[in-house]
Protein backbone atom coordinates (compact mmCIF):
# COMPACT_ATOMS: atom_id res chain seq x y z
CA MET A 1 50.44 -51.72 33.70
CA THR A 2 52.59 -50.34 30.90
CA GLU A 3 52.46 -51.45 27.29
CA ILE A 4 55.28 -53.82 26.36
CA THR A 5 57.49 -52.52 23.56
CA ARG A 6 57.88 -55.20 20.90
CA PRO A 7 60.94 -55.49 18.64
CA GLN A 8 60.60 -53.77 15.27
CA SER A 9 61.94 -56.76 13.35
CA THR A 10 62.44 -60.45 13.94
CA PRO A 11 65.86 -61.16 15.50
CA VAL A 12 68.20 -63.18 13.32
CA GLY A 13 67.70 -66.91 13.71
CA LEU A 14 64.12 -66.90 15.00
CA ASP A 15 62.81 -67.65 11.53
CA ARG A 16 64.81 -70.91 11.59
CA LEU A 17 63.21 -72.19 14.81
CA SER A 18 60.47 -74.78 14.57
CA THR A 19 57.01 -73.33 15.11
CA ALA A 20 56.13 -76.38 17.21
CA ALA A 21 59.22 -76.51 19.41
CA LEU A 22 57.33 -76.86 22.70
CA VAL A 23 54.09 -78.45 21.46
CA VAL A 24 52.23 -75.99 23.69
CA PRO A 25 50.24 -73.68 21.36
CA GLU A 26 50.31 -70.66 23.71
CA LEU A 27 54.11 -70.82 23.97
CA ASP A 28 54.87 -71.95 20.41
CA SER A 29 53.39 -68.72 19.05
CA ASP A 30 55.73 -66.66 21.28
CA PRO A 31 59.19 -66.31 19.72
CA THR A 32 60.80 -65.53 23.09
CA TRP A 33 59.86 -68.94 24.48
CA ARG A 34 60.83 -70.67 21.22
CA LEU A 35 64.25 -69.02 21.45
CA ALA A 36 64.61 -70.00 25.12
CA THR A 37 63.73 -73.60 24.23
CA ALA A 38 66.30 -73.68 21.45
CA PHE A 39 68.92 -72.44 23.93
CA LEU A 40 67.95 -74.81 26.74
CA VAL A 41 67.99 -77.92 24.57
CA GLY A 42 71.80 -77.83 24.75
CA PHE A 43 71.84 -78.35 28.53
CA ARG A 44 70.67 -81.01 30.98
CA GLY A 45 69.78 -81.43 34.63
CA HIS A 46 70.64 -78.71 37.12
CA THR A 47 72.24 -76.49 34.48
CA ARG A 48 69.07 -76.48 32.36
CA ARG A 49 66.90 -75.77 35.40
CA ALA A 50 69.17 -72.93 36.51
CA TYR A 51 69.18 -71.32 33.06
CA PHE A 52 65.39 -71.77 32.78
CA SER A 53 64.95 -70.06 36.15
CA ASP A 54 67.13 -67.16 34.99
CA ILE A 55 65.19 -66.83 31.73
CA ARG A 56 61.85 -66.82 33.57
CA ALA A 57 63.15 -64.12 35.94
CA TRP A 58 64.39 -62.03 32.97
CA TYR A 59 61.04 -62.34 31.17
CA ALA A 60 59.17 -61.39 34.36
CA TRP A 61 61.41 -58.36 34.90
CA CYS A 62 60.95 -57.27 31.29
CA GLU A 63 57.18 -57.54 31.65
CA ALA A 64 57.28 -55.55 34.90
CA VAL A 65 59.15 -52.65 33.26
CA GLY A 66 57.21 -52.86 29.99
CA VAL A 67 59.88 -53.96 27.56
CA HIS A 68 59.72 -57.05 25.36
CA PRO A 69 62.62 -59.42 26.16
CA LEU A 70 63.82 -59.38 22.54
CA ALA A 71 63.65 -55.57 22.38
CA ALA A 72 65.66 -54.94 25.56
CA GLN A 73 68.74 -52.83 25.08
CA ARG A 74 71.78 -52.08 27.19
CA HIS A 75 70.11 -49.24 29.11
CA HIS A 76 67.33 -51.65 30.15
CA VAL A 77 69.87 -54.14 31.48
CA ASP A 78 71.82 -51.41 33.29
CA ARG A 79 68.60 -50.42 35.04
């Protein structure tokens, strides 16, 4: 398995997210899940579930190719 490349700096806005957004310690320490939670809170029902499914698939793909979701660039997406 390849090493995941982490972003060099914290993306704008992550420092404003609550550190206890999910109340699940393993996920609260991960800024990618905190960001996803902040995004998903604006949706309900089927829309929220669909976006959550897409986010999980994106995170899984990023892990498979060894790039951190917040460090992905256009060439990763084009792949």
